[in-house]
Amino acid sequence: MDLNATFRDLQGASVFITGGGSGIGAALTEGFLRQGAKVAFVGRSDATAFADRMAEETGNRPLFIQCDITDISALKAAIDQAAKAHGPVGVLVNNAANDQRHATLEVDEAFWDWSQAINLKAYFFACQAVLPGMQKLGGGSIVNFTSISYMMGNAGYPAYTTANAGINGMTRSLAREFGADRIRVNALAPGWVLTEKQLDKWATPEALAAHLERQCLKDHLAPQDIVESTLFLASKASRMISGQALVVDGGVVVSG
């Protein structure tokens, strides 16, 4: 990954990323490692091989903690473990999500609760777990990943889009509540990023062409586009930005 900017204040920063072993999350882990940050990340699947590769390629080994983020006790324990290893978490990136497609008339209570647990509940409790440490540090940055899907009014996954909208509401409230502690809380809304999962499941030539037609910028989004925006929000380069939703989608939706 050839990054376009270096954020000096991220050197040595204690960073915690959910879902940091695959997809956009893996790119985020690499991006922060290349800034010299001390990165801990959680994932449900074993990412030891990825952590080994990152240590070899970047010279900076991440701490991988296997964890299902819907187990809130385990998530909090992972954050505690990261803080003991790297110091209090100064940057939290809530990235893990599941956008499984579903039909409204087929959703039962168990599926709804599962979707909210992954896509919203875990975000809140991860924030709750890092906030006291950030208060002691005298500040911090939380980046909550949401999506343009709810802004577009997309059909096909209403539980997921509901959670995305909730993430924005939570982000604004936490930014207001903890701003006096110099804790910044922002949301980042990616567009259609061509990860391996997207290419395998949904990125047909026809779908890609139709989506590109909706973008102002006629290039497909890559994980690095999201990484560099996240690094900006995590760093003091964005020190007076809080309670905002940064859309990184090539110009599909218009916010503001």
C-alpha atoms as a PDB file:
ATOM      1  CA  MET A   1       0.000   0.000   0.000  1.00  0.00           C
ATOM      2  CA  ASP A   2       1.504   3.297  -1.141  1.00  0.00           C
ATOM      3  CA  LEU A   3      -0.090   5.967   1.044  1.00  0.00           C
ATOM      4  CA  ASN A   4      -0.309   9.563  -0.125  1.00  0.00           C
ATOM      5  CA  ALA A   5       0.156  11.197   3.280  1.00  0.00           C
ATOM      6  CA  THR A   6       1.923  10.644   6.580  1.00  0.00           C
ATOM      7  CA  PHE A   7       0.222  11.698   9.816  1.00  0.00           C
ATOM      8  CA  ARG A   8       3.020  12.115  12.338  1.00  0.00           C
ATOM      9  CA  ASP A   9       0.753  12.063  15.380  1.00  0.00           C
ATOM     10  CA  LEU A  10      -0.328   8.492  14.550  1.00  0.00           C
ATOM     11  CA  GLN A  11       3.223   7.257  15.154  1.00  0.00           C
ATOM     12  CA  GLY A  12       2.968   5.185  18.325  1.00  0.00           C
ATOM     13  CA  ALA A  13      -0.771   5.764  18.727  1.00  0.00           C
ATOM     14  CA  SER A  14      -2.808   2.969  20.307  1.00  0.00           C
ATOM     15  CA  VAL A  15      -5.385   1.974  17.682  1.00  0.00           C
ATOM     16  CA  PHE A  16      -8.192  -0.578  17.987  1.00  0.00           C
ATOM     17  CA  ILE A  17     -10.026  -1.842  14.881  1.00  0.00           C
ATOM     18  CA  THR A  18     -13.006  -4.176  14.739  1.00  0.00           C
ATOM     19  CA  GLY A  19     -13.042  -6.597  11.814  1.00  0.00           C
ATOM     20  CA  GLY A  20      -9.447  -5.705  11.053  1.00  0.00           C
ATOM     21  CA  GLY A  21      -8.375  -8.973   9.467  1.00  0.00           C
ATOM     22  CA  SER A  22     -10.257  -9.011   6.174  1.00  0.00           C
ATOM     23  CA  GLY A  23     -11.709  -6.751   3.493  1.00  0.00           C
ATOM     24  CA  ILE A  24     -11.588  -3.032   4.186  1.00  0.00           C
ATOM     25  CA  GLY A  25     -10.637  -3.836   7.777  1.00  0.00           C
ATOM     26  CA  ALA A  26      -7.410  -5.547   6.700  1.00  0.00           C
ATOM     27  CA  ALA A  27      -6.527  -2.510   4.602  1.00  0.00           C
ATOM     28  CA  LEU A  28      -7.205  -0.291   7.621  1.00  0.00           C
ATOM     29  CA  THR A  29      -4.905  -2.386   9.786  1.00  0.00           C
ATOM     30  CA  GLU A  30      -2.152  -2.141   7.191  1.00  0.00           C
ATOM     31  CA  GLY A  31      -2.663   1.589   6.764  1.00  0.00           C
ATOM     32  CA  PHE A  32      -2.304   2.324  10.469  1.00  0.00           C
ATOM     33  CA  LEU A  33       0.692  -0.011  10.759  1.00  0.00           C
ATOM     34  CA  ARG A  34       2.416   1.892   7.969  1.00  0.00           C
ATOM     35  CA  GLN A  35       1.842   5.100   9.943  1.00  0.00           C
ATOM     36  CA  GLY A  36       3.773   3.521  12.837  1.00  0.00           C
ATOM     37  CA  ALA A  37       0.718   3.036  15.043  1.00  0.00           C
ATOM     38  CA  LYS A  38       0.369   0.260  17.601  1.00  0.00           C
ATOM     39  CA  VAL A  39      -2.584  -1.632  16.188  1.00  0.00           C
ATOM     40  CA  ALA A  40      -4.839  -4.178  17.864  1.00  0.00           C
ATOM     41  CA  PHE A  41      -7.705  -5.706  15.934  1.00  0.00           C
ATOM     42  CA  VAL A  42     -10.435  -8.240  16.492  1.00  0.00           C
ATOM     43  CA  GLY A  43     -12.116 -10.652  14.120  1.00  0.00           C
ATOM     44  CA  ARG A  44     -14.255 -13.737  14.361  1.00  0.00           C
ATOM     45  CA  SER A  45     -12.015 -15.809  12.059  1.00  0.00           C
ATOM     46  CA  ASP A  46      -8.384 -16.651  12.752  1.00  0.00           C
ATOM     47  CA  ALA A  47      -6.224 -13.866  11.305  1.00  0.00           C
ATOM     48  CA  THR A  48      -2.877 -15.037  12.672  1.00  0.00           C
ATOM     49  CA  ALA A  49      -1.484 -15.555   9.166  1.00  0.00           C
ATOM     50  CA  PHE A  50      -2.513 -12.012   8.206  1.00  0.00           C
ATOM     51  CA  ALA A  51      -0.840 -10.600  11.344  1.00  0.00           C
ATOM     52  CA  ASP A  52       2.324 -12.541  10.480  1.00  0.00           C
ATOM     53  CA  ARG A  53       2.297 -11.138   6.946  1.00  0.00           C
ATOM     54  CA  MET A  54       1.783  -7.597   8.192  1.00  0.00           C
ATOM     55  CA  ALA A  55       4.720  -7.939  10.575  1.00  0.00           C
ATOM     56  CA  GLU A  56       6.911  -9.072   7.691  1.00  0.00           C
ATOM     57  CA  GLU A  57       5.718  -6.481   5.181  1.00  0.00           C
ATOM     58  CA  THR A  58       5.512  -3.421   7.445  1.00  0.00           C
ATOM     59  CA  GLY A  59       7.997  -4.236  10.220  1.00  0.00           C
ATOM     60  CA  ASN A  60       5.219  -3.470  12.679  1.00  0.00           C
ATOM     61  CA  ARG A  61       3.281  -6.402  14.145  1.00  0.00           C
ATOM     62  CA  PRO A  62      -0.407  -5.951  14.987  1.00  0.00           C
ATOM     63  CA  LEU A  63      -2.019  -7.604  17.986  1.00  0.00           C
ATOM     64  CA  PHE A  64      -4.742  -9.953  16.793  1.00  0.00           C
ATOM     65  CA  ILE A  65      -7.444 -10.966  19.287  1.00  0.00           C
ATOM     66  CA  GLN A  66     -10.002 -13.495  18.090  1.00  0.00           C
ATOM     67  CA  CYS A  67     -13.415 -12.286  19.152  1.00  0.00           C
ATOM     68  CA  ASP A  68     -17.061 -12.275  18.123  1.00  0.00           C
ATOM     69  CA  ILE A  69     -18.083  -8.631  18.554  1.00  0.00           C
ATOM     70  CA  THR A  70     -21.665  -9.614  19.358  1.00  0.00           C
ATOM     71  CA  ASP A  71     -20.279 -11.051  22.618  1.00  0.00           C
ATOM     72  CA  ILE A  72     -20.018  -7.724  24.414  1.00  0.00           C
ATOM     73  CA  SER A  73     -18.073  -9.138  27.358  1.00  0.00           C
ATOM     74  CA  ALA A  74     -15.492 -10.590  24.977  1.00  0.00           C
ATOM     75  CA  LEU A  75     -15.322  -7.317  23.041  1.00  0.00           C
ATOM     76  CA  LYS A  76     -14.681  -5.332  26.208  1.00  0.00           C
ATOM     77  CA  ALA A  77     -12.050  -7.855  27.308  1.00  0.00           C
ATOM     78  CA  ALA A  78     -10.304  -7.485  23.940  1.00  0.00           C
ATOM     79  CA  ILE A  79     -10.217  -3.704  24.317  1.00  0.00           C
ATOM     80  CA  ASP A  80      -8.771  -4.123  27.825  1.00  0.00           C
ATOM     81  CA  GLN A  81      -6.126  -6.486  26.446  1.00  0.00           C
ATOM     82  CA  ALA A  82      -5.212  -3.989  23.735  1.00  0.00           C
ATOM     83  CA  ALA A  83      -4.922  -1.181  26.282  1.00  0.00           C
ATOM     84  CA  LYS A  84      -2.620  -3.270  28.468  1.00  0.00           C
ATOM     85  CA  ALA A  85      -0.417  -4.079  25.478  1.00  0.00           C
ATOM     86  CA  HIS A  86      -0.331  -0.678  23.781  1.00  0.00           C
ATOM     87  CA  GLY A  87      -1.630   1.845  26.289  1.00  0.00           C
ATOM     88  CA  PRO A  88      -5.141   3.319  26.429  1.00  0.00           C
ATOM     89  CA  VAL A  89      -6.868   3.249  23.069  1.00  0.00           C
ATOM     90  CA  GLY A  90      -6.588   6.679  21.461  1.00  0.00           C
ATOM     91  CA  VAL A  91      -8.167   5.724  18.138  1.00  0.00           C
ATOM     92  CA  LEU A  92     -11.156   3.406  17.763  1.00  0.00           C
ATOM     93  CA  VAL A  93     -12.304   2.311  14.322  1.00  0.00           C
ATOM     94  CA  ASN A  94     -15.666   0.539  14.395  1.00  0.00           C
ATOM     95  CA  ASN A  95     -15.475  -1.199  11.036  1.00  0.00           C
ATOM     96  CA  ALA A  96     -16.946  -4.686  11.441  1.00  0.00           C
ATOM     97  CA  ALA A  97     -20.363  -5.133   9.832  1.00  0.00           C
ATOM     98  CA  ASN A  98     -22.521  -7.639   7.992  1.00  0.00           C
ATOM     99  CA  ASP A  99     -24.689  -6.538   5.069  1.00  0.00           C
ATOM    100  CA  GLN A 100     -26.373  -9.881   4.431  1.00  0.00           C
ATOM    101  CA  ARG A 101     -29.241  -9.385   2.009  1.00  0.00           C
ATOM    102  CA  HIS A 102     -32.756 -10.105   3.260  1.00  0.00           C
ATOM    103  CA  ALA A 103     -36.410  -9.559   2.399  1.00  0.00           C
ATOM    104  CA  THR A 104     -38.562  -7.562   4.796  1.00  0.00           C
ATOM    105  CA  LEU A 105     -41.412 -10.078   4.839  1.00  0.00           C
ATOM    106  CA  GLU A 106     -39.026 -12.899   5.726  1.00  0.00           C
ATOM    107  CA  VAL A 107     -37.216 -11.210   8.637  1.00  0.00           C
ATOM    108  CA  ASP A 108     -37.905 -12.752  12.032  1.00  0.00           C
ATOM    109  CA  GLU A 109     -37.000 -11.396  15.447  1.00  0.00           C
ATOM    110  CA  ALA A 110     -33.855 -13.510  15.727  1.00  0.00           C
ATOM    111  CA  PHE A 111     -32.450 -12.202  12.438  1.00  0.00           C
ATOM    112  CA  TRP A 112     -33.301  -8.612  13.344  1.00  0.00           C
ATOM    113  CA  ASP A 113     -31.547  -8.902  16.714  1.00  0.00           C
ATOM    114  CA  TRP A 114     -28.518 -10.572  15.096  1.00  0.00           C
ATOM    115  CA  SER A 115     -28.196  -7.787  12.531  1.00  0.00           C
ATOM    116  CA  GLN A 116     -28.479  -5.003  15.112  1.00  0.00           C
ATOM    117  CA  ALA A 117     -26.011  -6.778  17.404  1.00  0.00           C
ATOM    118  CA  ILE A 118     -23.327  -6.770  14.714  1.00  0.00           C
ATOM    119  CA  ASN A 119     -24.087  -3.518  12.962  1.00  0.00           C
ATOM    120  CA  LEU A 120     -25.046  -1.182  15.817  1.00  0.00           C
ATOM    121  CA  LYS A 121     -24.951  -2.625  19.338  1.00  0.00           C
ATOM    122  CA  ALA A 122     -21.272  -3.612  19.171  1.00  0.00           C
ATOM    123  CA  TYR A 123     -20.399  -0.118  17.947  1.00  0.00           C
ATOM    124  CA  PHE A 124     -21.976   1.502  20.974  1.00  0.00           C
ATOM    125  CA  PHE A 125     -20.313  -0.766  23.505  1.00  0.00           C
ATOM    126  CA  ALA A 126     -16.914  -0.480  21.850  1.00  0.00           C
ATOM    127  CA  CYS A 127     -17.251   3.306  22.155  1.00  0.00           C
ATOM    128  CA  GLN A 128     -18.321   2.953  25.779  1.00  0.00           C
ATOM    129  CA  ALA A 129     -15.286   0.784  26.521  1.00  0.00           C
ATOM    130  CA  VAL A 130     -12.686   3.194  25.095  1.00  0.00           C
ATOM    131  CA  LEU A 131     -14.153   6.489  26.298  1.00  0.00           C
ATOM    132  CA  PRO A 132     -12.760   6.432  29.882  1.00  0.00           C
ATOM    133  CA  GLY A 133      -9.245   5.824  28.567  1.00  0.00           C
ATOM    134  CA  MET A 134      -9.613   8.635  26.044  1.00  0.00           C
ATOM    135  CA  GLN A 135     -10.771  10.942  28.825  1.00  0.00           C
ATOM    136  CA  LYS A 136      -7.585  10.137  30.765  1.00  0.00           C
ATOM    137  CA  LEU A 137      -5.496  10.725  27.638  1.00  0.00           C
ATOM    138  CA  GLY A 138      -7.068  14.142  27.198  1.00  0.00           C
ATOM    139  CA  GLY A 139      -8.664  13.275  23.875  1.00  0.00           C
ATOM    140  CA  GLY A 140      -9.118  10.688  21.174  1.00  0.00           C
ATOM    141  CA  SER A 141     -10.788   9.887  17.889  1.00  0.00           C
ATOM    142  CA  ILE A 142     -13.593   7.425  17.131  1.00  0.00           C
ATOM    143  CA  VAL A 143     -14.457   6.580  13.534  1.00  0.00           C
ATOM    144  CA  ASN A 144     -17.731   4.693  13.096  1.00  0.00           C
ATOM    145  CA  PHE A 145     -18.197   3.076   9.708  1.00  0.00           C
ATOM    146  CA  THR A 146     -21.653   3.505   8.247  1.00  0.00           C
ATOM    147  CA  SER A 147     -22.715   3.296   4.589  1.00  0.00           C
ATOM    148  CA  ILE A 148     -24.305   5.307   1.819  1.00  0.00           C
ATOM    149  CA  SER A 149     -26.891   2.516   1.465  1.00  0.00           C
ATOM    150  CA  TYR A 150     -29.364   4.165   3.834  1.00  0.00           C
ATOM    151  CA  MET A 151     -28.778   7.592   2.280  1.00  0.00           C
ATOM    152  CA  MET A 152     -29.708   6.127  -1.101  1.00  0.00           C
ATOM    153  CA  GLY A 153     -32.796   4.425   0.313  1.00  0.00           C
ATOM    154  CA  ASN A 154     -31.576   1.074  -0.956  1.00  0.00           C
ATOM    155  CA  ALA A 155     -33.852  -1.944  -0.743  1.00  0.00           C
ATOM    156  CA  GLY A 156     -32.781  -5.504  -0.073  1.00  0.00           C
ATOM    157  CA  TYR A 157     -31.315  -5.178   3.435  1.00  0.00           C
ATOM    158  CA  PRO A 158     -33.549  -3.001   5.646  1.00  0.00           C
ATOM    159  CA  ALA A 159     -32.120  -4.230   8.967  1.00  0.00           C
ATOM    160  CA  TYR A 160     -28.657  -3.186   7.799  1.00  0.00           C
ATOM    161  CA  THR A 161     -29.705   0.243   6.530  1.00  0.00           C
ATOM    162  CA  THR A 162     -31.601   0.852   9.781  1.00  0.00           C
ATOM    163  CA  ALA A 163     -28.422   0.167  11.738  1.00  0.00           C
ATOM    164  CA  ASN A 164     -26.443   2.475   9.433  1.00  0.00           C
ATOM    165  CA  ALA A 165     -28.835   5.329  10.120  1.00  0.00           C
ATOM    166  CA  GLY A 166     -28.571   4.580  13.840  1.00  0.00           C
ATOM    167  CA  ILE A 167     -24.782   4.770  13.668  1.00  0.00           C
ATOM    168  CA  ASN A 168     -25.025   8.352  12.414  1.00  0.00           C
ATOM    169  CA  GLY A 169     -27.402   9.306  15.211  1.00  0.00           C
ATOM    170  CA  MET A 170     -25.175   7.696  17.822  1.00  0.00           C
ATOM    171  CA  THR A 171     -22.105   9.397  16.355  1.00  0.00           C
ATOM    172  CA  ARG A 172     -23.654  12.849  16.676  1.00  0.00           C
ATOM    173  CA  SER A 173     -24.822  12.264  20.246  1.00  0.00           C
ATOM    174  CA  LEU A 174     -21.461  10.918  21.430  1.00  0.00           C
ATOM    175  CA  ALA A 175     -19.629  13.773  19.724  1.00  0.00           C
ATOM    176  CA  ARG A 176     -21.762  16.239  21.665  1.00  0.00           C
ATOM    177  CA  GLU A 177     -21.500  14.379  24.978  1.00  0.00           C
ATOM    178  CA  PHE A 178     -17.725  13.915  24.936  1.00  0.00           C
ATOM    179  CA  GLY A 179     -16.539  16.922  22.970  1.00  0.00           C
ATOM    180  CA  ALA A 180     -15.541  18.725  26.161  1.00  0.00           C
ATOM    181  CA  ASP A 181     -13.044  15.893  26.710  1.00  0.00           C
ATOM    182  CA  ARG A 182     -11.533  16.583  23.263  1.00  0.00           C
ATOM    183  CA  ILE A 183     -12.875  13.259  22.036  1.00  0.00           C
ATOM    184  CA  ARG A 184     -13.926  13.450  18.412  1.00  0.00           C
ATOM    185  CA  VAL A 185     -16.552  11.075  17.044  1.00  0.00           C
ATOM    186  CA  ASN A 186     -17.203  10.898  13.320  1.00  0.00           C
ATOM    187  CA  ALA A 187     -18.858   8.539  10.874  1.00  0.00           C
ATOM    188  CA  LEU A 188     -17.388   7.435   7.584  1.00  0.00           C
ATOM    189  CA  ALA A 189     -19.728   6.283   4.819  1.00  0.00           C
ATOM    190  CA  PRO A 190     -18.033   4.355   2.017  1.00  0.00           C
ATOM    191  CA  GLY A 191     -19.588   3.854  -1.362  1.00  0.00           C
ATOM    192  CA  TRP A 192     -19.152   0.644  -3.328  1.00  0.00           C
ATOM    193  CA  VAL A 193     -15.624  -0.478  -2.494  1.00  0.00           C
ATOM    194  CA  LEU A 194     -14.363  -3.348  -4.608  1.00  0.00           C
ATOM    195  CA  THR A 195     -13.182  -5.814  -1.990  1.00  0.00           C
ATOM    196  CA  GLU A 196     -12.829  -9.526  -2.749  1.00  0.00           C
ATOM    197  CA  LYS A 197     -16.243 -10.131  -1.139  1.00  0.00           C
ATOM    198  CA  GLN A 198     -17.933  -7.578  -3.359  1.00  0.00           C
ATOM    199  CA  LEU A 199     -16.244  -8.946  -6.470  1.00  0.00           C
ATOM    200  CA  ASP A 200     -17.276 -12.497  -5.582  1.00  0.00           C
ATOM    201  CA  LYS A 201     -20.910 -11.786  -4.683  1.00  0.00           C
ATOM    202  CA  TRP A 202     -22.348  -8.742  -6.405  1.00  0.00           C
ATOM    203  CA  ALA A 203     -19.913  -6.935  -8.698  1.00  0.00           C
ATOM    204  CA  THR A 204     -21.140  -8.083 -12.093  1.00  0.00           C
ATOM    205  CA  PRO A 205     -19.972  -6.059 -15.102  1.00  0.00           C
ATOM    206  CA  GLU A 206     -23.502  -4.724 -15.544  1.00  0.00           C
ATOM    207  CA  ALA A 207     -23.857  -3.681 -11.882  1.00  0.00           C
ATOM    208  CA  LEU A 208     -20.434  -2.041 -11.877  1.00  0.00           C
ATOM    209  CA  ALA A 209     -21.179  -0.081 -15.027  1.00  0.00           C
ATOM    210  CA  ALA A 210     -24.531   1.123 -13.688  1.00  0.00           C
ATOM    211  CA  HIS A 211     -23.007   2.243 -10.386  1.00  0.00           C
ATOM    212  CA  LEU A 212     -20.086   3.985 -12.061  1.00  0.00           C
ATOM    213  CA  GLU A 213     -22.591   5.954 -14.119  1.00  0.00           C
ATOM    214  CA  ARG A 214     -24.017   7.329 -10.844  1.00  0.00           C
ATOM    215  CA  GLN A 215     -20.611   8.476  -9.590  1.00  0.00           C
ATOM    216  CA  CYS A 216     -19.248  11.931 -10.361  1.00  0.00           C
ATOM    217  CA  LEU A 217     -15.736  10.476 -10.420  1.00  0.00           C
ATOM    218  CA  LYS A 218     -15.449   7.671 -12.950  1.00  0.00           C
ATOM    219  CA  ASP A 219     -13.068   5.416 -11.037  1.00  0.00           C
ATOM    220  CA  HIS A 220     -14.065   2.464  -8.893  1.00  0.00           C
ATOM    221  CA  LEU A 221     -13.372   2.777  -5.189  1.00  0.00           C
ATOM    222  CA  ALA A 222     -10.525   0.711  -3.738  1.00  0.00           C
ATOM    223  CA  PRO A 223      -9.896  -0.048  -0.050  1.00  0.00           C
ATOM    224  CA  GLN A 224      -7.034   2.467   0.013  1.00  0.00           C
ATOM    225  CA  ASP A 225      -9.497   5.273  -0.694  1.00  0.00           C
ATOM    226  CA  ILE A 226     -11.242   4.436   2.567  1.00  0.00           C
ATOM    227  CA  VAL A 227      -8.011   3.914   4.504  1.00  0.00           C
ATOM    228  CA  GLU A 228      -6.633   7.364   3.778  1.00  0.00           C
ATOM    229  CA  SER A 229      -9.893   9.069   4.729  1.00  0.00           C
ATOM    230  CA  THR A 230      -9.919   7.124   8.002  1.00  0.00           C
ATOM    231  CA  LEU A 231      -6.327   8.086   8.773  1.00  0.00           C
ATOM    232  CA  PHE A 232      -7.293  11.736   8.297  1.00  0.00           C
ATOM    233  CA  LEU A 233     -10.215  11.452  10.730  1.00  0.00           C
ATOM    234  CA  ALA A 234      -8.047   9.574  13.233  1.00  0.00           C
ATOM    235  CA  SER A 235      -5.258  12.142  13.172  1.00  0.00           C
ATOM    236  CA  LYS A 236      -5.023  15.626  14.598  1.00  0.00           C
ATOM    237  CA  ALA A 237      -5.163  16.918  11.032  1.00  0.00           C
ATOM    238  CA  SER A 238      -8.935  16.777  11.581  1.00  0.00           C
ATOM    239  CA  ARG A 239      -8.801  18.072  15.156  1.00  0.00           C
ATOM    240  CA  MET A 240     -11.816  20.391  14.756  1.00  0.00           C
ATOM    241  CA  ILE A 241     -14.031  17.913  12.927  1.00  0.00           C
ATOM    242  CA  SER A 242     -16.544  16.037  15.079  1.00  0.00           C
ATOM    243  CA  GLY A 243     -20.110  14.812  14.816  1.00  0.00           C
ATOM    244  CA  GLN A 244     -19.838  14.598  11.047  1.00  0.00           C
ATOM    245  CA  ALA A 245     -20.429  11.953   8.392  1.00  0.00           C
ATOM    246  CA  LEU A 246     -17.702  11.843   5.754  1.00  0.00           C
ATOM    247  CA  VAL A 247     -18.963  10.270   2.547  1.00  0.00           C
ATOM    248  CA  VAL A 248     -16.322   8.581   0.391  1.00  0.00           C
ATOM    249  CA  ASP A 249     -18.223   7.290  -2.622  1.00  0.00           C
ATOM    250  CA  GLY A 250     -16.907   9.014  -5.732  1.00  0.00           C
ATOM    251  CA  GLY A 251     -19.811  11.445  -5.684  1.00  0.00           C
ATOM    252  CA  VAL A 252     -22.943   9.261  -5.650  1.00  0.00           C
ATOM    253  CA  VAL A 253     -24.850  10.891  -2.793  1.00  0.00           C
ATOM    254  CA  VAL A 254     -24.838  14.532  -1.825  1.00  0.00           C
ATOM    255  CA  SER A 255     -24.656  15.283   1.910  1.00  0.00           C
ATOM    256  CA  GLY A 256     -25.215  18.557   3.692  1.00  0.00           C
END
